[in-house]
Amino acid sequence: MDEAAASDQLAETLTSLQNLIEKHARELTRINSELKEKRESMKSVFENDVQLEEAKAEVERQNVALKERKSQLQSDPQVTSLKVDIAELNEQKKELEETLSNHLVNYHALTNSTSFDTSDGDQWEFNIKAKIKGKKMEKTDN
């Protein structure tokens, strides 16, 4: 094939490719436009549905009633008393866990064991955990 024929074929190929690109780009633009229109139509269906709007309003009313009832219960003397009891029990639990942890660390140091026998014959296992505390900052005098 001579140079002129090769050049003509390249030009023909390029023209065909450009035509395909343009055709596909126009089709893509058309589809995007149609998608936008269909999405807007679907959105409109949901926005204009009376039953859906009524259901949303009912849900909102129920949410308000729920919040009001929870608020009423929060100020109920029984709930207030239970909150105090829970806080006290949590504090007792925390203190007991710290004490038990210290005893278990001592037990482990003496026996090198991670289990202990109870008076009723059960055996309980435990883990020793180490926590890294924050690095102590050196105080500087100003």
N, C-alpha and C. Protein backbone atom coordinates (compact mmCIF):
# COMPACT_ATOMS: atom_id res chain seq x y z
N MET A 1 0.84 -1.16 0.00
CA MET A 1 0.00 0.00 0.00
C MET A 1 0.90 1.24 0.00
N ASP A 2 0.56 2.17 -0.90
CA ASP A 2 1.40 3.37 -0.96
C ASP A 2 0.99 4.35 0.12
N GLU A 3 1.76 5.40 0.24
CA GLU A 3 1.57 6.37 1.30
C GLU A 3 0.24 7.10 1.19
N ALA A 4 -0.19 7.42 0.00
CA ALA A 4 -1.45 8.13 -0.21
C ALA A 4 -2.63 7.25 0.20
N ALA A 5 -2.58 5.96 -0.16
CA ALA A 5 -3.66 5.04 0.19
C ALA A 5 -3.72 4.84 1.70
N ALA A 6 -2.56 4.75 2.34
CA ALA A 6 -2.50 4.59 3.79
C ALA A 6 -3.07 5.83 4.47
N SER A 7 -2.74 7.00 3.93
CA SER A 7 -3.24 8.25 4.48
C SER A 7 -4.75 8.34 4.32
N ASP A 8 -5.25 7.94 3.14
CA ASP A 8 -6.70 7.95 2.90
C ASP A 8 -7.41 6.99 3.86
N GLN A 9 -6.83 5.80 4.07
CA GLN A 9 -7.46 4.82 4.96
C GLN A 9 -7.46 5.32 6.41
N LEU A 10 -6.38 5.97 6.81
CA LEU A 10 -6.30 6.52 8.16
C LEU A 10 -7.36 7.61 8.34
N ALA A 11 -7.51 8.47 7.31
CA ALA A 11 -8.50 9.54 7.37
C ALA A 11 -9.91 8.95 7.44
N GLU A 12 -10.15 7.89 6.66
CA GLU A 12 -11.45 7.22 6.66
C GLU A 12 -11.74 6.59 8.02
N THR A 13 -10.74 5.93 8.59
CA THR A 13 -10.88 5.31 9.91
C THR A 13 -11.15 6.37 10.97
N LEU A 14 -10.42 7.47 10.89
CA LEU A 14 -10.60 8.55 11.85
C LEU A 14 -11.99 9.17 11.74
N THR A 15 -12.46 9.36 10.51
CA THR A 15 -13.80 9.91 10.29
C THR A 15 -14.87 8.97 10.84
N SER A 16 -14.71 7.67 10.59
CA SER A 16 -15.66 6.68 11.11
C SER A 16 -15.67 6.70 12.64
N LEU A 17 -14.48 6.78 13.23
CA LEU A 17 -14.37 6.80 14.68
C LEU A 17 -15.04 8.06 15.25
N GLN A 18 -14.79 9.20 14.61
CA GLN A 18 -15.41 10.45 15.07
C GLN A 18 -16.93 10.38 14.96
N ASN A 19 -17.43 9.78 13.88
CA ASN A 19 -18.88 9.63 13.72
C ASN A 19 -19.47 8.74 14.81
N LEU A 20 -18.77 7.63 15.14
CA LEU A 20 -19.22 6.74 16.22
C LEU A 20 -19.22 7.47 17.56
N ILE A 21 -18.16 8.22 17.82
CA ILE A 21 -18.06 8.97 19.08
C ILE A 21 -19.21 9.96 19.19
N GLU A 22 -19.46 10.70 18.10
CA GLU A 22 -20.54 11.69 18.12
C GLU A 22 -21.90 11.01 18.32
N LYS A 23 -22.12 9.89 17.63
CA LYS A 23 -23.39 9.16 17.75
C LYS A 23 -23.61 8.69 19.20
N HIS A 24 -22.58 8.10 19.77
CA HIS A 24 -22.70 7.60 21.15
C HIS A 24 -22.84 8.75 22.15
N ALA A 25 -22.13 9.84 21.94
CA ALA A 25 -22.22 10.99 22.84
C ALA A 25 -23.63 11.59 22.80
N ARG A 26 -24.21 11.69 21.59
CA ARG A 26 -25.58 12.21 21.48
C ARG A 26 -26.58 11.27 22.16
N GLU A 27 -26.39 9.96 21.97
CA GLU A 27 -27.28 8.97 22.60
C GLU A 27 -27.16 9.05 24.12
N LEU A 28 -25.94 9.21 24.62
CA LEU A 28 -25.72 9.33 26.05
C LEU A 28 -26.41 10.59 26.60
N THR A 29 -26.31 11.69 25.88
CA THR A 29 -26.97 12.93 26.28
C THR A 29 -28.49 12.74 26.32
N ARG A 30 -29.04 12.05 25.31
CA ARG A 30 -30.47 11.80 25.26
C ARG A 30 -30.91 10.94 26.45
N ILE A 31 -30.15 9.89 26.73
CA ILE A 31 -30.49 8.99 27.84
C ILE A 31 -30.41 9.74 29.17
N ASN A 32 -29.37 10.56 29.35
CA ASN A 32 -29.24 11.34 30.59
C ASN A 32 -30.44 12.27 30.78
N SER A 33 -30.88 12.88 29.70
CA SER A 33 -32.03 13.77 29.76
C SER A 33 -33.29 12.99 30.12
N GLU A 34 -33.45 11.81 29.51
CA GLU A 34 -34.61 10.98 29.81
C GLU A 34 -34.59 10.48 31.26
N LEU A 35 -33.39 10.12 31.74
CA LEU A 35 -33.26 9.69 33.14
C LEU A 35 -33.67 10.80 34.09
N LYS A 36 -33.22 12.01 33.81
CA LYS A 36 -33.56 13.15 34.66
C LYS A 36 -35.07 13.34 34.70
N GLU A 37 -35.69 13.27 33.53
CA GLU A 37 -37.14 13.44 33.44
C GLU A 37 -37.88 12.35 34.23
N LYS A 38 -37.44 11.10 34.07
CA LYS A 38 -38.10 9.98 34.76
C LYS A 38 -37.92 10.10 36.28
N ARG A 39 -36.72 10.50 36.72
CA ARG A 39 -36.48 10.66 38.16
C ARG A 39 -37.36 11.75 38.74
N GLU A 40 -37.49 12.85 38.00
CA GLU A 40 -38.34 13.95 38.46
C GLU A 40 -39.80 13.50 38.53
N SER A 41 -40.23 12.71 37.55
CA SER A 41 -41.60 12.19 37.56
C SER A 41 -41.83 11.29 38.77
N MET A 42 -40.86 10.41 39.04
CA MET A 42 -40.99 9.50 40.17
C MET A 42 -41.02 10.29 41.49
N LYS A 43 -40.16 11.29 41.61
CA LYS A 43 -40.13 12.12 42.81
C LYS A 43 -41.49 12.81 42.99
N SER A 44 -42.05 13.28 41.91
CA SER A 44 -43.34 13.95 41.95
C SER A 44 -44.45 13.01 42.42
N VAL A 45 -44.39 11.74 41.98
CA VAL A 45 -45.39 10.75 42.42
C VAL A 45 -45.36 10.63 43.93
N PHE A 46 -44.15 10.53 44.51
CA PHE A 46 -44.03 10.38 45.96
C PHE A 46 -44.45 11.65 46.69
N GLU A 47 -44.07 12.80 46.14
CA GLU A 47 -44.39 14.06 46.80
C GLU A 47 -45.88 14.37 46.78
N ASN A 48 -46.59 13.87 45.77
CA ASN A 48 -48.00 14.20 45.62
C ASN A 48 -48.95 13.10 46.10
N ASP A 49 -48.41 12.08 46.75
CA ASP A 49 -49.25 10.99 47.24
C ASP A 49 -49.84 11.37 48.59
N VAL A 50 -51.14 11.48 48.65
CA VAL A 50 -51.84 11.92 49.87
C VAL A 50 -51.66 10.90 50.99
N GLN A 51 -51.79 9.61 50.68
CA GLN A 51 -51.66 8.58 51.71
C GLN A 51 -50.27 8.60 52.33
N LEU A 52 -49.25 8.79 51.49
CA LEU A 52 -47.88 8.83 52.00
C LEU A 52 -47.70 10.03 52.93
N GLU A 53 -48.21 11.17 52.54
CA GLU A 53 -48.10 12.37 53.37
C GLU A 53 -48.84 12.20 54.69
N GLU A 54 -50.02 11.56 54.64
CA GLU A 54 -50.77 11.31 55.87
C GLU A 54 -50.00 10.36 56.79
N ALA A 55 -49.38 9.34 56.20
CA ALA A 55 -48.60 8.39 57.00
C ALA A 55 -47.41 9.09 57.64
N LYS A 56 -46.74 9.97 56.88
CA LYS A 56 -45.61 10.73 57.44
C LYS A 56 -46.07 11.60 58.61
N ALA A 57 -47.22 12.24 58.44
CA ALA A 57 -47.74 13.11 59.50
C ALA A 57 -48.08 12.28 60.74
N GLU A 58 -48.65 11.09 60.54
CA GLU A 58 -48.98 10.21 61.66
C GLU A 58 -47.71 9.77 62.38
N VAL A 59 -46.68 9.42 61.63
CA VAL A 59 -45.40 9.03 62.23
C VAL A 59 -44.85 10.18 63.07
N GLU A 60 -44.93 11.38 62.55
CA GLU A 60 -44.43 12.55 63.28
C GLU A 60 -45.22 12.75 64.58
N ARG A 61 -46.55 12.60 64.50
CA ARG A 61 -47.37 12.73 65.71
C ARG A 61 -46.99 11.66 66.74
N GLN A 62 -46.77 10.45 66.27
CA GLN A 62 -46.39 9.36 67.18
C GLN A 62 -45.02 9.62 67.80
N ASN A 63 -44.09 10.16 67.00
CA ASN A 63 -42.76 10.49 67.54
C ASN A 63 -42.85 11.55 68.63
N VAL A 64 -43.70 12.54 68.42
CA VAL A 64 -43.88 13.57 69.44
C VAL A 64 -44.47 12.96 70.71
N ALA A 65 -45.48 12.09 70.54
CA ALA A 65 -46.10 11.44 71.70
C ALA A 65 -45.08 10.56 72.43
N LEU A 66 -44.24 9.87 71.67
CA LEU A 66 -43.21 9.01 72.26
C LEU A 66 -42.24 9.84 73.10
N LYS A 67 -41.77 10.95 72.54
CA LYS A 67 -40.83 11.81 73.27
C LYS A 67 -41.47 12.37 74.53
N GLU A 68 -42.73 12.78 74.42
CA GLU A 68 -43.43 13.32 75.59
C GLU A 68 -43.55 12.27 76.68
N ARG A 69 -43.91 11.05 76.30
CA ARG A 69 -44.08 9.99 77.30
C ARG A 69 -42.75 9.64 77.95
N LYS A 70 -41.69 9.56 77.15
CA LYS A 70 -40.37 9.28 77.72
C LYS A 70 -39.99 10.36 78.72
N SER A 71 -40.26 11.60 78.37
CA SER A 71 -39.95 12.72 79.25
C SER A 71 -40.74 12.62 80.56
N GLN A 72 -42.01 12.26 80.45
CA GLN A 72 -42.83 12.08 81.65
C GLN A 72 -42.27 10.97 82.53
N LEU A 73 -41.88 9.87 81.91
CA LEU A 73 -41.34 8.74 82.68
C LEU A 73 -40.01 9.10 83.34
N GLN A 74 -39.20 9.91 82.66
CA GLN A 74 -37.91 10.31 83.23
C GLN A 74 -38.09 11.06 84.55
N SER A 75 -39.19 11.80 84.66
CA SER A 75 -39.41 12.57 85.89
C SER A 75 -40.26 11.82 86.91
N ASP A 76 -40.65 10.61 86.60
CA ASP A 76 -41.43 9.78 87.53
C ASP A 76 -40.56 9.44 88.74
N PRO A 77 -41.10 9.52 89.96
CA PRO A 77 -40.32 9.22 91.17
C PRO A 77 -39.71 7.82 91.16
N GLN A 78 -40.44 6.85 90.64
CA GLN A 78 -39.92 5.49 90.59
C GLN A 78 -38.68 5.42 89.70
N VAL A 79 -38.74 6.08 88.54
CA VAL A 79 -37.60 6.08 87.61
C VAL A 79 -36.43 6.82 88.24
N THR A 80 -36.70 7.94 88.88
CA THR A 80 -35.64 8.70 89.55
C THR A 80 -34.95 7.85 90.61
N SER A 81 -35.75 7.14 91.38
CA SER A 81 -35.20 6.25 92.41
C SER A 81 -34.36 5.14 91.78
N LEU A 82 -34.86 4.57 90.69
CA LEU A 82 -34.11 3.51 90.01
C LEU A 82 -32.79 4.03 89.45
N LYS A 83 -32.80 5.25 88.93
CA LYS A 83 -31.56 5.85 88.42
C LYS A 83 -30.52 5.97 89.52
N VAL A 84 -30.96 6.43 90.69
CA VAL A 84 -30.06 6.57 91.83
C VAL A 84 -29.52 5.21 92.23
N ASP A 85 -30.41 4.21 92.31
CA ASP A 85 -29.99 2.85 92.67
C ASP A 85 -28.97 2.31 91.67
N ILE A 86 -29.23 2.52 90.38
CA ILE A 86 -28.32 2.04 89.34
C ILE A 86 -26.96 2.71 89.47
N ALA A 87 -26.95 4.02 89.70
CA ALA A 87 -25.68 4.74 89.86
C ALA A 87 -24.90 4.20 91.05
N GLU A 88 -25.60 3.96 92.16
CA GLU A 88 -24.93 3.44 93.36
C GLU A 88 -24.38 2.04 93.11
N LEU A 89 -25.18 1.19 92.46
CA LEU A 89 -24.72 -0.17 92.17
C LEU A 89 -23.53 -0.16 91.20
N ASN A 90 -23.56 0.74 90.23
CA ASN A 90 -22.42 0.84 89.31
C ASN A 90 -21.16 1.25 90.05
N GLU A 91 -21.30 2.16 91.00
CA GLU A 91 -20.14 2.59 91.79
C GLU A 91 -19.62 1.42 92.64
N GLN A 92 -20.54 0.69 93.28
CA GLN A 92 -20.13 -0.49 94.06
C GLN A 92 -19.43 -1.51 93.17
N LYS A 93 -19.99 -1.74 92.00
CA LYS A 93 -19.42 -2.70 91.06
C LYS A 93 -18.00 -2.29 90.67
N LYS A 94 -17.82 -1.01 90.37
CA LYS A 94 -16.50 -0.52 89.97
C LYS A 94 -15.48 -0.73 91.10
N GLU A 95 -15.87 -0.36 92.31
CA GLU A 95 -14.97 -0.52 93.45
C GLU A 95 -14.63 -1.98 93.69
N LEU A 96 -15.65 -2.85 93.61
CA LEU A 96 -15.44 -4.28 93.82
C LEU A 96 -14.54 -4.88 92.74
N GLU A 97 -14.75 -4.45 91.49
CA GLU A 97 -13.90 -4.95 90.39
C GLU A 97 -12.44 -4.55 90.60
N GLU A 98 -12.22 -3.31 91.06
CA GLU A 98 -10.85 -2.86 91.32
C GLU A 98 -10.21 -3.68 92.44
N THR A 99 -10.97 -3.88 93.52
CA THR A 99 -10.46 -4.67 94.65
C THR A 99 -10.17 -6.10 94.23
N LEU A 100 -11.13 -6.71 93.53
CA LEU A 100 -10.96 -8.09 93.07
C LEU A 100 -9.76 -8.20 92.13
N SER A 101 -9.60 -7.23 91.26
CA SER A 101 -8.47 -7.24 90.34
C SER A 101 -7.15 -7.22 91.10
N ASN A 102 -7.07 -6.37 92.11
CA ASN A 102 -5.85 -6.30 92.93
C ASN A 102 -5.58 -7.64 93.62
N HIS A 103 -6.63 -8.25 94.18
CA HIS A 103 -6.46 -9.55 94.84
C HIS A 103 -6.02 -10.63 93.84
N LEU A 104 -6.59 -10.60 92.64
CA LEU A 104 -6.22 -11.60 91.63
C LEU A 104 -4.78 -11.41 91.16
N VAL A 105 -4.34 -10.17 91.05
CA VAL A 105 -2.94 -9.91 90.70
C VAL A 105 -2.03 -10.47 91.78
N ASN A 106 -2.37 -10.23 93.05
CA ASN A 106 -1.58 -10.78 94.16
C ASN A 106 -1.61 -12.31 94.15
N TYR A 107 -2.78 -12.90 93.91
CA TYR A 107 -2.92 -14.35 93.86
C TYR A 107 -2.05 -14.93 92.75
N HIS A 108 -2.08 -14.26 91.59
CA HIS A 108 -1.28 -14.72 90.45
C HIS A 108 0.21 -14.60 90.77
N ALA A 109 0.60 -13.52 91.45
CA ALA A 109 2.01 -13.34 91.80
C ALA A 109 2.48 -14.44 92.75
N LEU A 110 1.61 -14.87 93.65
CA LEU A 110 1.98 -15.91 94.61
C LEU A 110 1.94 -17.32 94.01
N THR A 111 0.96 -17.57 93.13
CA THR A 111 0.75 -18.95 92.65
C THR A 111 1.13 -19.16 91.19
N ASN A 112 1.29 -18.08 90.44
CA ASN A 112 1.53 -18.14 88.99
C ASN A 112 0.38 -18.87 88.28
N SER A 113 -0.80 -18.84 88.86
CA SER A 113 -1.97 -19.52 88.31
C SER A 113 -2.99 -18.47 87.85
N THR A 114 -3.74 -18.82 86.81
CA THR A 114 -4.80 -17.92 86.34
C THR A 114 -6.17 -18.54 86.58
N SER A 115 -6.27 -19.37 87.63
CA SER A 115 -7.56 -19.91 88.04
C SER A 115 -7.54 -20.13 89.55
N PHE A 116 -8.73 -20.16 90.14
CA PHE A 116 -8.81 -20.44 91.57
C PHE A 116 -10.01 -21.34 91.83
N ASP A 117 -9.91 -22.12 92.89
CA ASP A 117 -10.99 -23.03 93.27
C ASP A 117 -11.91 -22.34 94.26
N THR A 118 -13.20 -22.56 94.10
CA THR A 118 -14.17 -21.99 95.04
C THR A 118 -14.49 -23.01 96.12
N SER A 119 -15.17 -22.55 97.16
CA SER A 119 -15.50 -23.43 98.29
C SER A 119 -16.48 -24.52 97.89
N ASP A 120 -17.25 -24.31 96.81
CA ASP A 120 -18.19 -25.36 96.39
C ASP A 120 -17.63 -26.25 95.29
N GLY A 121 -16.31 -26.18 95.06
CA GLY A 121 -15.66 -27.09 94.13
C GLY A 121 -15.55 -26.60 92.69
N ASP A 122 -16.08 -25.45 92.39
CA ASP A 122 -15.94 -24.90 91.03
C ASP A 122 -14.54 -24.33 90.85
N GLN A 123 -14.17 -24.18 89.59
CA GLN A 123 -12.88 -23.53 89.31
C GLN A 123 -13.16 -22.35 88.38
N TRP A 124 -12.71 -21.19 88.77
CA TRP A 124 -12.91 -19.98 87.99
C TRP A 124 -11.58 -19.55 87.41
N GLU A 125 -11.62 -19.16 86.13
CA GLU A 125 -10.41 -18.66 85.48
C GLU A 125 -10.46 -17.14 85.42
N PHE A 126 -9.28 -16.54 85.34
CA PHE A 126 -9.21 -15.09 85.23
C PHE A 126 -8.03 -14.69 84.35
N ASN A 127 -8.07 -13.48 83.88
CA ASN A 127 -7.00 -12.91 83.06
C ASN A 127 -6.35 -11.77 83.82
N ILE A 128 -5.08 -11.61 83.57
CA ILE A 128 -4.36 -10.46 84.10
C ILE A 128 -4.16 -9.51 82.92
N LYS A 129 -4.62 -8.28 83.08
CA LYS A 129 -4.48 -7.29 82.02
C LYS A 129 -3.66 -6.12 82.54
N ALA A 130 -2.80 -5.64 81.68
CA ALA A 130 -2.02 -4.46 82.03
C ALA A 130 -2.51 -3.30 81.18
N LYS A 131 -2.63 -2.15 81.78
CA LYS A 131 -3.04 -0.96 81.06
C LYS A 131 -1.89 0.03 81.08
N ILE A 132 -1.68 0.66 79.96
CA ILE A 132 -0.66 1.70 79.90
C ILE A 132 -1.34 3.02 80.18
N LYS A 133 -0.82 3.72 81.14
CA LYS A 133 -1.36 5.03 81.46
C LYS A 133 -0.62 6.06 80.62
N GLY A 134 -1.19 7.22 80.54
CA GLY A 134 -0.57 8.29 79.77
C GLY A 134 0.81 8.63 80.29
N LYS A 135 1.65 9.07 79.38
CA LYS A 135 3.01 9.44 79.74
C LYS A 135 2.97 10.63 80.69
N LYS A 136 3.75 10.54 81.75
CA LYS A 136 3.79 11.65 82.71
C LYS A 136 4.58 12.79 82.11
N MET A 137 3.98 13.95 82.18
CA MET A 137 4.65 15.14 81.65
C MET A 137 5.51 15.74 82.76
N GLU A 138 6.72 16.11 82.40
CA GLU A 138 7.59 16.74 83.39
C GLU A 138 7.14 18.18 83.59
N LYS A 139 7.10 18.58 84.84
CA LYS A 139 6.70 19.95 85.13
C LYS A 139 7.89 20.86 84.88
N THR A 140 7.61 21.97 84.25
CA THR A 140 8.67 22.96 84.02
C THR A 140 8.33 24.22 84.79
N ASP A 141 9.33 24.77 85.42
CA ASP A 141 9.13 26.01 86.17
C ASP A 141 9.24 27.17 85.21
N ASN A 142 8.30 28.07 85.30
CA ASN A 142 8.31 29.24 84.40
C ASN A 142 8.89 30.43 85.09
